[in-house]
Structures are given as structure tokens and as C-alpha cells.
């Protein structure tokens, strides 16, 4: 299999995997949730890498899944209190992981 074929197959798999959740989020008027999920999933990959120190570890996927599902769960939990709307609940959950990543890169 050539490199171009492999890249094309990966692109097709990613397109199929992202289409259904993307349409679901747009129809629920929660397109910002996709942004929050992608950024916090990256945080899960980084944290799992810090634990395993291996880029080929399947635990990177586990870390991404845990943090991504946790983001959605916390956002829905805050929204279900009825105190804030959906956008505000995303705004409450989304910044702390990003700030953590930013501050962890700063020299002491």
C-alpha cells in the first residue's frame, strides 16, 4: 500500500467518523461543543502520553476518550441544573483545560 493510499483511507475513515456526531451537534445547536471536545480530547492524549511516555500506546486513545466524554458529561450536567444555557455551560467547562495546558508550558 502506498503512502497516498494510506492517507486517503485515513481521511475517509475520519470523515465517516466525524459526520454523524457533527450533524447531531449542529442540529442541537451545539456546534461549539465540537470545538470543546476536540480541544479537551487533545488534552487527554497529552496527559496519557505523560503517563505512558509512548506515542504508540493504545492508552492515548483511552485518555482521549475519558477526557472527551468527561467534557460532554460535565457540560450536560451543568446545563441540566437549569441555571445556565448550553453555550454558557460549554464556556464554563471549556477554558479550564486550555488554561491548564497553557500554564503547564510556562517555565517556572
Protein backbone atom coordinates (compact mmCIF):
# COMPACT_ATOMS: atom_id res chain seq x y z
CA UNK A 1 0.00 0.00 0.00
CA UNK A 2 1.41 3.38 -0.95
CA UNK A 3 1.54 6.37 1.35
CA UNK A 4 -1.07 8.20 -0.73
CA UNK A 5 -3.50 5.30 -0.46
CA UNK A 6 -2.98 5.08 3.28
CA UNK A 7 -3.60 8.83 3.67
CA UNK A 8 -6.75 8.57 1.57
CA UNK A 9 -8.10 5.67 3.65
CA UNK A 10 -7.42 7.54 6.89
CA UNK A 11 -9.17 10.64 5.50
CA UNK A 12 -12.22 8.57 4.52
CA UNK A 13 -12.36 6.90 7.95
CA UNK A 14 -12.10 10.25 9.75
CA UNK A 15 -14.79 11.77 7.51
CA UNK A 16 -17.19 8.95 8.27
CA UNK A 17 -16.41 9.02 12.00
CA UNK A 18 -16.92 12.79 12.28
CA UNK A 19 -20.03 13.14 10.08
CA UNK A 20 -22.62 11.68 12.45
CA UNK A 21 -21.58 13.48 15.65
CA UNK A 22 -21.07 16.71 13.68
CA UNK A 23 -24.57 16.65 12.23
CA UNK A 24 -26.02 15.75 15.63
CA UNK A 25 -24.28 18.69 17.31
CA UNK A 26 -25.30 21.17 14.60
CA UNK A 27 -28.94 20.05 14.75
CA UNK A 28 -28.93 20.51 18.53
CA UNK A 29 -27.40 23.98 18.01
CA UNK A 30 -24.31 22.94 19.95
CA UNK A 31 -21.61 23.41 17.34
CA UNK A 32 -19.31 24.93 19.96
CA UNK A 33 -19.42 21.56 21.73
CA UNK A 34 -17.41 20.09 18.87
CA UNK A 35 -14.70 22.68 19.48
CA UNK A 36 -14.67 21.94 23.19
CA UNK A 37 -14.50 18.20 22.60
CA UNK A 38 -11.61 18.44 20.12
CA UNK A 39 -9.51 20.60 22.40
CA UNK A 40 -10.12 18.57 25.52
CA UNK A 41 -9.54 15.30 23.64
CA UNK A 42 -6.12 16.65 22.73
CA UNK A 43 -5.55 17.31 26.43
CA UNK A 44 -6.44 13.67 27.15
CA UNK A 45 -3.90 12.49 24.59
CA UNK A 46 -1.20 14.67 26.11
CA UNK A 47 -1.95 13.56 29.66
CA UNK A 48 -1.96 9.90 28.60
CA UNK A 49 1.38 10.44 26.87
CA UNK A 50 2.83 11.90 30.07
CA UNK A 51 1.77 8.72 31.87
CA UNK A 52 2.88 6.18 29.24
CA UNK A 53 5.73 8.09 27.51
CA UNK A 54 4.99 6.05 24.38
CA UNK A 55 3.44 7.50 21.23
CA UNK A 56 2.30 4.05 20.08
CA UNK A 57 0.40 3.23 23.26
CA UNK A 58 -3.32 2.45 22.94
CA UNK A 59 -3.76 4.26 26.26
CA UNK A 60 -3.57 7.54 24.30
CA UNK A 61 -6.96 6.66 22.83
CA UNK A 62 -8.27 5.73 26.26
CA UNK A 63 -7.11 9.06 27.70
CA UNK A 64 -8.70 10.97 24.82
CA UNK A 65 -11.97 9.11 25.27
CA UNK A 66 -12.13 9.64 29.02
CA UNK A 67 -11.44 13.37 28.81
CA UNK A 68 -13.80 13.86 25.84
CA UNK A 69 -16.67 12.02 27.49
CA UNK A 70 -15.94 13.85 30.73
CA UNK A 71 -16.21 17.18 28.94
CA UNK A 72 -19.60 16.31 27.48
CA UNK A 73 -20.82 14.87 30.78
CA UNK A 74 -19.79 17.94 32.80
CA UNK A 75 -21.27 20.30 30.23
CA UNK A 76 -24.59 18.46 30.20
CA UNK A 77 -24.62 18.23 33.99
CA UNK A 78 -24.17 22.00 34.35
CA UNK A 79 -26.77 22.68 31.66
CA UNK A 80 -29.31 20.35 33.30
CA UNK A 81 -29.20 22.38 36.52
CA UNK A 82 -31.23 24.99 34.65
CA UNK A 83 -29.07 27.83 35.92
CA UNK A 84 -27.26 28.43 32.62
CA UNK A 85 -27.96 27.77 28.95
CA UNK A 86 -25.98 25.36 26.76
CA UNK A 87 -23.48 27.93 25.47
CA UNK A 88 -22.67 29.11 28.97
CA UNK A 89 -22.17 25.57 30.21
CA UNK A 90 -19.66 24.98 27.42
CA UNK A 91 -17.96 28.25 28.36
CA UNK A 92 -17.66 27.11 31.97
CA UNK A 93 -16.14 23.70 31.15
CA UNK A 94 -14.06 24.52 28.06
CA UNK A 95 -11.49 27.12 29.33
CA UNK A 96 -10.00 25.35 32.39
CA UNK A 97 -8.33 22.50 30.42
CA UNK A 98 -6.93 25.01 27.94
CA UNK A 99 -5.61 27.21 30.72
CA UNK A 100 -4.05 24.17 32.35
CA UNK A 101 -2.25 23.30 29.10
CA UNK A 102 -1.07 26.88 28.67
CA UNK A 103 0.22 27.23 32.21
CA UNK A 104 1.90 23.83 32.19
CA UNK A 105 4.08 25.02 29.27
CA UNK A 106 5.29 28.12 31.10
CA UNK A 107 8.76 27.99 32.69
CA UNK A 108 8.84 28.12 36.48
